[in-house]
Amino acid sequence: MDDYMRKVINLVNLSQDLPLNQIVYNGLRTAIIKGIIPVGERINEKKYSIELNVSRTPIREALYRIQAEGLIDHIPNSGFIVKKVTVEDAEEIYKIRIALDTLATINAMERMKDEDFKMMKALLDKTEECEERGDFSAVFKLFGDFNNMIYEFANMPMLKVIIHNMRDYLARFRDISLIDDNRRKKAFDEHKLIYYCLRDKDERELTELIKKHLIYSRKFVIDEIKKQDDLGI
């Protein structure tokens, strides 16, 4: 069994209380976006059917849905091939995220109560503790928790649906941008500034800060994609 296939099997968790075709779609999509299934890899329906212990029908349905999102190509007489995330993909995702995060954060600012600020401050304190002891995997997760907290406080159900559909891209891009020690520390300082702007209800500064925060992140992601292009990955 290929090493990556074990990770794919874990993602396609058949114990979930969801329709089988949705479970297969969610798992394969996440595996592709996160780079678990290598770029250029051919997804063989028969092989995946055997390894995942499901029929070929939900796999085929999932692949056509994923193809419609532009994540894989269908090559006649060959099957589905995994595409790489391009600079253009990253640019588009970040443009969308700047718009959505600005909207969500402003809405959160207008709704947050004292207990919400206490929760956010506690999360920031925990993030700082994890950073100081070098538990970077925990730091990555807590960065995601910070963003999710804002989405929750914004109380915008439709926006959460859109963000949910982008979650695998966001997690992959977040991890790329936070690998660099200086960037990770700067990003944490930006999160603290976002907290202070939320607390002070400084909409103008908050809007500018969200934009700068994501532009910095975008630069790291695009640089990494270009580096992989140069290496032929």
C-alpha atoms as a PDB file:
ATOM      1  CA  MET A   1       0.000   0.000   0.000  1.00  0.00           C
ATOM      2  CA  ASP A   2       1.290   3.497  -0.853  1.00  0.00           C
ATOM      3  CA  ASP A   3       2.168   5.580   2.215  1.00  0.00           C
ATOM      4  CA  TYR A   4      -0.287   8.293   1.241  1.00  0.00           C
ATOM      5  CA  MET A   5      -3.102   5.771   0.831  1.00  0.00           C
ATOM      6  CA  ARG A   6      -3.118   5.093   4.575  1.00  0.00           C
ATOM      7  CA  LYS A   7      -3.792   8.789   5.152  1.00  0.00           C
ATOM      8  CA  VAL A   8      -6.537   8.765   2.520  1.00  0.00           C
ATOM      9  CA  ILE A   9      -8.200   5.791   4.225  1.00  0.00           C
ATOM     10  CA  ASN A  10      -8.157   7.690   7.531  1.00  0.00           C
ATOM     11  CA  LEU A  11      -9.788  10.699   5.868  1.00  0.00           C
ATOM     12  CA  VAL A  12     -12.530   8.581   4.284  1.00  0.00           C
ATOM     13  CA  ASN A  13     -13.951   7.694   7.685  1.00  0.00           C
ATOM     14  CA  LEU A  14     -16.883   5.377   6.984  1.00  0.00           C
ATOM     15  CA  SER A  15     -18.113   5.591  10.594  1.00  0.00           C
ATOM     16  CA  GLN A  16     -19.384   9.126  10.043  1.00  0.00           C
ATOM     17  CA  ASP A  17     -23.142   9.671  10.112  1.00  0.00           C
ATOM     18  CA  LEU A  18     -23.249  10.931   6.521  1.00  0.00           C
ATOM     19  CA  PRO A  19     -24.280   9.466   3.147  1.00  0.00           C
ATOM     20  CA  LEU A  20     -21.520   7.281   1.716  1.00  0.00           C
ATOM     21  CA  ASN A  21     -21.044   9.422  -1.387  1.00  0.00           C
ATOM     22  CA  GLN A  22     -20.557  12.525   0.805  1.00  0.00           C
ATOM     23  CA  ILE A  23     -18.015  10.749   3.015  1.00  0.00           C
ATOM     24  CA  VAL A  24     -16.005   9.630  -0.010  1.00  0.00           C
ATOM     25  CA  TYR A  25     -16.201  13.093  -1.603  1.00  0.00           C
ATOM     26  CA  ASN A  26     -15.129  14.886   1.596  1.00  0.00           C
ATOM     27  CA  GLY A  27     -12.212  12.536   2.179  1.00  0.00           C
ATOM     28  CA  LEU A  28     -10.854  12.530  -1.373  1.00  0.00           C
ATOM     29  CA  ARG A  29     -11.260  16.283  -1.744  1.00  0.00           C
ATOM     30  CA  THR A  30      -9.354  16.955   1.476  1.00  0.00           C
ATOM     31  CA  ALA A  31      -6.607  14.514   0.470  1.00  0.00           C
ATOM     32  CA  ILE A  32      -6.184  16.261  -2.886  1.00  0.00           C
ATOM     33  CA  ILE A  33      -6.211  19.842  -1.599  1.00  0.00           C
ATOM     34  CA  LYS A  34      -3.794  19.087   1.236  1.00  0.00           C
ATOM     35  CA  GLY A  35      -1.406  17.383  -1.173  1.00  0.00           C
ATOM     36  CA  ILE A  36      -1.737  13.956   0.427  1.00  0.00           C
ATOM     37  CA  ILE A  37      -2.479  12.451  -2.995  1.00  0.00           C
ATOM     38  CA  PRO A  38       0.561  13.625  -5.005  1.00  0.00           C
ATOM     39  CA  VAL A  39       0.283  16.068  -7.889  1.00  0.00           C
ATOM     40  CA  GLY A  40       0.159  14.185 -11.183  1.00  0.00           C
ATOM     41  CA  GLU A  41      -1.045  11.004  -9.501  1.00  0.00           C
ATOM     42  CA  ARG A  42      -3.626   8.961 -11.387  1.00  0.00           C
ATOM     43  CA  ILE A  43      -6.617   8.077  -9.238  1.00  0.00           C
ATOM     44  CA  ASN A  44      -7.517   4.529 -10.201  1.00  0.00           C
ATOM     45  CA  GLU A  45     -11.167   3.885  -9.328  1.00  0.00           C
ATOM     46  CA  LYS A  46     -10.661   0.122  -8.976  1.00  0.00           C
ATOM     47  CA  LYS A  47      -7.659   0.522  -6.685  1.00  0.00           C
ATOM     48  CA  TYR A  48      -9.412   3.090  -4.506  1.00  0.00           C
ATOM     49  CA  SER A  49     -12.515   0.917  -4.380  1.00  0.00           C
ATOM     50  CA  ILE A  50     -10.484  -1.972  -3.008  1.00  0.00           C
ATOM     51  CA  GLU A  51      -8.436   0.104  -0.560  1.00  0.00           C
ATOM     52  CA  LEU A  52     -11.425   2.055   0.779  1.00  0.00           C
ATOM     53  CA  ASN A  53     -13.694  -0.996   0.779  1.00  0.00           C
ATOM     54  CA  VAL A  54     -16.501   0.757  -1.096  1.00  0.00           C
ATOM     55  CA  SER A  55     -18.003   0.288  -4.542  1.00  0.00           C
ATOM     56  CA  ARG A  56     -16.657   2.253  -7.481  1.00  0.00           C
ATOM     57  CA  THR A  57     -19.882   4.291  -7.855  1.00  0.00           C
ATOM     58  CA  PRO A  58     -19.392   6.735  -4.924  1.00  0.00           C
ATOM     59  CA  ILE A  59     -15.733   7.115  -5.920  1.00  0.00           C
ATOM     60  CA  ARG A  60     -16.654   7.969  -9.504  1.00  0.00           C
ATOM     61  CA  GLU A  61     -19.361  10.410  -8.342  1.00  0.00           C
ATOM     62  CA  ALA A  62     -16.894  12.091  -5.962  1.00  0.00           C
ATOM     63  CA  LEU A  63     -14.263  12.422  -8.672  1.00  0.00           C
ATOM     64  CA  TYR A  64     -16.666  14.092 -11.088  1.00  0.00           C
ATOM     65  CA  ARG A  65     -17.659  16.566  -8.359  1.00  0.00           C
ATOM     66  CA  ILE A  66     -14.000  17.270  -7.590  1.00  0.00           C
ATOM     67  CA  GLN A  67     -13.259  17.652 -11.302  1.00  0.00           C
ATOM     68  CA  ALA A  68     -16.002  20.295 -11.511  1.00  0.00           C
ATOM     69  CA  GLU A  69     -14.094  22.266  -8.857  1.00  0.00           C
ATOM     70  CA  GLY A  70     -10.967  22.215 -11.026  1.00  0.00           C
ATOM     71  CA  LEU A  71      -8.876  20.112  -8.642  1.00  0.00           C
ATOM     72  CA  ILE A  72      -8.371  17.174 -10.985  1.00  0.00           C
ATOM     73  CA  ASP A  73      -8.391  16.581 -14.738  1.00  0.00           C
ATOM     74  CA  HIS A  74     -10.104  13.761 -16.581  1.00  0.00           C
ATOM     75  CA  ILE A  75      -7.777  12.338 -19.215  1.00  0.00           C
ATOM     76  CA  PRO A  76      -9.442  10.045 -21.829  1.00  0.00           C
ATOM     77  CA  ASN A  77      -8.233   6.442 -21.569  1.00  0.00           C
ATOM     78  CA  SER A  78      -6.250   7.335 -18.468  1.00  0.00           C
ATOM     79  CA  GLY A  79      -8.651   8.509 -15.762  1.00  0.00           C
ATOM     80  CA  PHE A  80      -8.459  11.319 -13.241  1.00  0.00           C
ATOM     81  CA  ILE A  81      -5.160  13.089 -12.617  1.00  0.00           C
ATOM     82  CA  VAL A  82      -4.454  15.349  -9.614  1.00  0.00           C
ATOM     83  CA  LYS A  83      -3.704  18.959 -10.553  1.00  0.00           C
ATOM     84  CA  LYS A  84      -1.397  21.197  -8.554  1.00  0.00           C
ATOM     85  CA  VAL A  85      -2.490  24.324  -6.724  1.00  0.00           C
ATOM     86  CA  THR A  86      -1.356  27.243  -8.876  1.00  0.00           C
ATOM     87  CA  VAL A  87      -0.396  30.818  -8.088  1.00  0.00           C
ATOM     88  CA  GLU A  88      -3.681  31.858  -9.708  1.00  0.00           C
ATOM     89  CA  ASP A  89      -5.585  29.526  -7.342  1.00  0.00           C
ATOM     90  CA  ALA A  90      -3.875  31.089  -4.330  1.00  0.00           C
ATOM     91  CA  GLU A  91      -4.500  34.627  -5.584  1.00  0.00           C
ATOM     92  CA  GLU A  92      -8.201  33.915  -6.015  1.00  0.00           C
ATOM     93  CA  ILE A  93      -8.577  32.210  -2.636  1.00  0.00           C
ATOM     94  CA  TYR A  94      -6.905  35.117  -0.857  1.00  0.00           C
ATOM     95  CA  LYS A  95      -9.024  37.722  -2.655  1.00  0.00           C
ATOM     96  CA  ILE A  96     -12.128  35.864  -1.500  1.00  0.00           C
ATOM     97  CA  ARG A  97     -10.797  35.473   2.009  1.00  0.00           C
ATOM     98  CA  ILE A  98      -9.876  39.149   2.401  1.00  0.00           C
ATOM     99  CA  ALA A  99     -13.456  40.072   1.511  1.00  0.00           C
ATOM    100  CA  LEU A 100     -15.058  37.413   3.721  1.00  0.00           C
ATOM    101  CA  ASP A 101     -12.772  37.873   6.721  1.00  0.00           C
ATOM    102  CA  THR A 102     -13.261  41.630   6.665  1.00  0.00           C
ATOM    103  CA  LEU A 103     -17.028  41.169   6.612  1.00  0.00           C
ATOM    104  CA  ALA A 104     -16.973  38.511   9.341  1.00  0.00           C
ATOM    105  CA  THR A 105     -14.626  40.435  11.624  1.00  0.00           C
ATOM    106  CA  ILE A 106     -16.590  43.681  11.410  1.00  0.00           C
ATOM    107  CA  ASN A 107     -19.798  41.789  12.123  1.00  0.00           C
ATOM    108  CA  ALA A 108     -18.141  40.015  15.050  1.00  0.00           C
ATOM    109  CA  MET A 109     -16.952  43.357  16.422  1.00  0.00           C
ATOM    110  CA  GLU A 110     -20.525  44.630  16.488  1.00  0.00           C
ATOM    111  CA  ARG A 111     -21.807  41.546  18.352  1.00  0.00           C
ATOM    112  CA  MET A 112     -19.040  40.499  20.748  1.00  0.00           C
ATOM    113  CA  LYS A 113     -19.733  40.652  24.484  1.00  0.00           C
ATOM    114  CA  ASP A 114     -17.369  40.744  27.453  1.00  0.00           C
ATOM    115  CA  GLU A 115     -17.302  36.956  27.788  1.00  0.00           C
ATOM    116  CA  ASP A 116     -16.418  36.650  24.095  1.00  0.00           C
ATOM    117  CA  PHE A 117     -13.398  38.896  24.555  1.00  0.00           C
ATOM    118  CA  LYS A 118     -12.339  36.826  27.567  1.00  0.00           C
ATOM    119  CA  MET A 119     -12.515  33.666  25.458  1.00  0.00           C
ATOM    120  CA  MET A 120     -10.447  35.245  22.706  1.00  0.00           C
ATOM    121  CA  LYS A 121      -7.845  36.541  25.164  1.00  0.00           C
ATOM    122  CA  ALA A 122      -7.577  33.081  26.766  1.00  0.00           C
ATOM    123  CA  LEU A 123      -7.014  31.530  23.337  1.00  0.00           C
ATOM    124  CA  LEU A 124      -4.276  34.063  22.554  1.00  0.00           C
ATOM    125  CA  ASP A 125      -2.598  33.356  25.900  1.00  0.00           C
ATOM    126  CA  LYS A 126      -2.668  29.634  25.182  1.00  0.00           C
ATOM    127  CA  THR A 127      -1.218  30.221  21.699  1.00  0.00           C
ATOM    128  CA  GLU A 128       1.647  32.222  23.199  1.00  0.00           C
ATOM    129  CA  GLU A 129       2.378  29.443  25.708  1.00  0.00           C
ATOM    130  CA  CYS A 130       2.504  26.822  22.950  1.00  0.00           C
ATOM    131  CA  GLU A 131       4.789  29.024  20.839  1.00  0.00           C
ATOM    132  CA  GLU A 132       7.180  29.534  23.747  1.00  0.00           C
ATOM    133  CA  ARG A 133       7.531  25.803  24.397  1.00  0.00           C
ATOM    134  CA  GLY A 134       7.896  25.011  20.681  1.00  0.00           C
ATOM    135  CA  ASP A 135       4.639  23.102  20.250  1.00  0.00           C
ATOM    136  CA  PHE A 136       4.120  24.392  16.730  1.00  0.00           C
ATOM    137  CA  SER A 137       1.453  21.854  15.711  1.00  0.00           C
ATOM    138  CA  ALA A 138      -0.682  23.195  18.576  1.00  0.00           C
ATOM    139  CA  VAL A 139       0.062  26.756  17.446  1.00  0.00           C
ATOM    140  CA  PHE A 140      -1.156  25.952  13.920  1.00  0.00           C
ATOM    141  CA  LYS A 141      -4.405  24.553  15.324  1.00  0.00           C
ATOM    142  CA  LEU A 142      -4.927  27.507  17.633  1.00  0.00           C
ATOM    143  CA  PHE A 143      -4.456  29.919  14.729  1.00  0.00           C
ATOM    144  CA  GLY A 144      -7.310  28.100  13.010  1.00  0.00           C
ATOM    145  CA  ASP A 145      -9.352  28.239  16.222  1.00  0.00           C
ATOM    146  CA  PHE A 146      -8.857  32.016  16.354  1.00  0.00           C
ATOM    147  CA  ASN A 147     -10.302  32.419  12.867  1.00  0.00           C
ATOM    148  CA  ASN A 148     -13.166  30.054  13.630  1.00  0.00           C
ATOM    149  CA  MET A 149     -13.936  31.999  16.785  1.00  0.00           C
ATOM    150  CA  ILE A 150     -14.395  35.158  14.732  1.00  0.00           C
ATOM    151  CA  TYR A 151     -16.709  33.333  12.308  1.00  0.00           C
ATOM    152  CA  GLU A 152     -18.760  32.078  15.265  1.00  0.00           C
ATOM    153  CA  PHE A 153     -19.012  35.523  16.857  1.00  0.00           C
ATOM    154  CA  ALA A 154     -20.007  37.034  13.486  1.00  0.00           C
ATOM    155  CA  ASN A 155     -23.102  34.797  13.485  1.00  0.00           C
ATOM    156  CA  MET A 156     -23.392  34.712   9.685  1.00  0.00           C
ATOM    157  CA  PRO A 157     -24.554  31.188   8.732  1.00  0.00           C
ATOM    158  CA  MET A 158     -24.195  31.601   4.955  1.00  0.00           C
ATOM    159  CA  LEU A 159     -20.681  32.996   5.304  1.00  0.00           C
ATOM    160  CA  LYS A 160     -19.763  29.992   7.472  1.00  0.00           C
ATOM    161  CA  VAL A 161     -20.969  27.659   4.714  1.00  0.00           C
ATOM    162  CA  ILE A 162     -18.709  29.385   2.174  1.00  0.00           C
ATOM    163  CA  ILE A 163     -15.744  29.297   4.558  1.00  0.00           C
ATOM    164  CA  HIS A 164     -16.420  25.626   5.290  1.00  0.00           C
ATOM    165  CA  ASN A 165     -16.160  24.816   1.581  1.00  0.00           C
ATOM    166  CA  MET A 166     -12.769  26.538   1.525  1.00  0.00           C
ATOM    167  CA  ARG A 167     -11.477  25.039   4.781  1.00  0.00           C
ATOM    168  CA  ASP A 168      -8.978  22.596   3.231  1.00  0.00           C
ATOM    169  CA  TYR A 169      -7.387  25.309   1.117  1.00  0.00           C
ATOM    170  CA  LEU A 170      -7.226  27.610   4.132  1.00  0.00           C
ATOM    171  CA  ALA A 171      -5.639  24.939   6.336  1.00  0.00           C
ATOM    172  CA  ARG A 172      -3.033  24.103   3.688  1.00  0.00           C
ATOM    173  CA  PHE A 173      -2.187  27.742   3.040  1.00  0.00           C
ATOM    174  CA  ARG A 174      -2.106  28.517   6.781  1.00  0.00           C
ATOM    175  CA  ASP A 175       0.382  25.719   7.443  1.00  0.00           C
ATOM    176  CA  ILE A 176       2.604  26.857   4.566  1.00  0.00           C
ATOM    177  CA  SER A 177       2.649  30.466   5.747  1.00  0.00           C
ATOM    178  CA  LEU A 178       3.321  29.601   9.398  1.00  0.00           C
ATOM    179  CA  ILE A 179       6.311  27.305   8.876  1.00  0.00           C
ATOM    180  CA  ASP A 180       8.627  30.332   8.880  1.00  0.00           C
ATOM    181  CA  ASP A 181       9.409  31.333  12.488  1.00  0.00           C
ATOM    182  CA  ASN A 182       9.404  35.082  11.839  1.00  0.00           C
ATOM    183  CA  ARG A 183       6.150  34.949   9.895  1.00  0.00           C
ATOM    184  CA  ARG A 184       4.468  32.833  12.586  1.00  0.00           C
ATOM    185  CA  LYS A 185       5.472  35.269  15.321  1.00  0.00           C
ATOM    186  CA  LYS A 186       4.386  38.245  13.227  1.00  0.00           C
ATOM    187  CA  ALA A 187       1.053  36.547  12.494  1.00  0.00           C
ATOM    188  CA  PHE A 188       0.515  36.037  16.220  1.00  0.00           C
ATOM    189  CA  ASP A 189       1.237  39.722  16.880  1.00  0.00           C
ATOM    190  CA  GLU A 190      -1.325  40.548  14.181  1.00  0.00           C
ATOM    191  CA  HIS A 191      -3.892  38.342  15.917  1.00  0.00           C
ATOM    192  CA  LYS A 192      -3.301  40.268  19.134  1.00  0.00           C
ATOM    193  CA  LEU A 193      -3.779  43.552  17.275  1.00  0.00           C
ATOM    194  CA  ILE A 194      -7.010  42.226  15.769  1.00  0.00           C
ATOM    195  CA  TYR A 195      -8.179  41.418  19.302  1.00  0.00           C
ATOM    196  CA  TYR A 196      -7.405  44.960  20.494  1.00  0.00           C
ATOM    197  CA  CYS A 197      -9.154  46.500  17.482  1.00  0.00           C
ATOM    198  CA  LEU A 198     -12.206  44.331  18.099  1.00  0.00           C
ATOM    199  CA  ARG A 199     -12.264  45.324  21.748  1.00  0.00           C
ATOM    200  CA  ASP A 200     -11.841  49.034  20.935  1.00  0.00           C
ATOM    201  CA  LYS A 201     -14.343  48.822  18.060  1.00  0.00           C
ATOM    202  CA  ASP A 202     -11.860  50.462  15.706  1.00  0.00           C
ATOM    203  CA  GLU A 203     -13.415  49.472  12.386  1.00  0.00           C
ATOM    204  CA  ARG A 204     -11.057  51.490  10.194  1.00  0.00           C
ATOM    205  CA  GLU A 205      -7.878  50.068  11.719  1.00  0.00           C
ATOM    206  CA  LEU A 206      -9.397  46.576  11.874  1.00  0.00           C
ATOM    207  CA  THR A 207     -10.243  46.598   8.164  1.00  0.00           C
ATOM    208  CA  GLU A 208      -6.708  47.656   7.239  1.00  0.00           C
ATOM    209  CA  LEU A 209      -5.170  45.112   9.615  1.00  0.00           C
ATOM    210  CA  ILE A 210      -7.155  42.173   8.199  1.00  0.00           C
ATOM    211  CA  LYS A 211      -6.049  43.096   4.684  1.00  0.00           C
ATOM    212  CA  LYS A 212      -2.361  43.403   5.633  1.00  0.00           C
ATOM    213  CA  HIS A 213      -2.475  40.189   7.672  1.00  0.00           C
ATOM    214  CA  LEU A 214      -3.765  38.160   4.736  1.00  0.00           C
ATOM    215  CA  ILE A 215      -1.524  39.860   2.160  1.00  0.00           C
ATOM    216  CA  TYR A 216       1.530  38.822   4.205  1.00  0.00           C
ATOM    217  CA  SER A 217       0.215  35.265   4.374  1.00  0.00           C
ATOM    218  CA  ARG A 218      -0.481  35.239   0.627  1.00  0.00           C
ATOM    219  CA  LYS A 219       3.110  36.245  -0.121  1.00  0.00           C
ATOM    220  CA  PHE A 220       4.520  33.240   1.759  1.00  0.00           C
ATOM    221  CA  VAL A 221       2.120  30.837   0.065  1.00  0.00           C
ATOM    222  CA  ILE A 222       2.792  32.145  -3.439  1.00  0.00           C
ATOM    223  CA  ASP A 223       6.555  32.104  -2.854  1.00  0.00           C
ATOM    224  CA  GLU A 224       6.302  28.446  -1.818  1.00  0.00           C
ATOM    225  CA  ILE A 225       4.218  27.539  -4.884  1.00  0.00           C
ATOM    226  CA  LYS A 226       6.769  29.259  -7.129  1.00  0.00           C
ATOM    227  CA  LYS A 227       9.600  27.436  -5.369  1.00  0.00           C
ATOM    228  CA  GLN A 228       7.879  24.108  -6.046  1.00  0.00           C
ATOM    229  CA  ASP A 229       7.397  25.138  -9.682  1.00  0.00           C
ATOM    230  CA  ASP A 230      11.119  25.832  -9.974  1.00  0.00           C
ATOM    231  CA  LEU A 231      11.882  22.405  -8.497  1.00  0.00           C
ATOM    232  CA  GLY A 232       9.407  20.761 -10.867  1.00  0.00           C
ATOM    233  CA  ILE A 233       7.258  19.453  -8.020  1.00  0.00           C
END
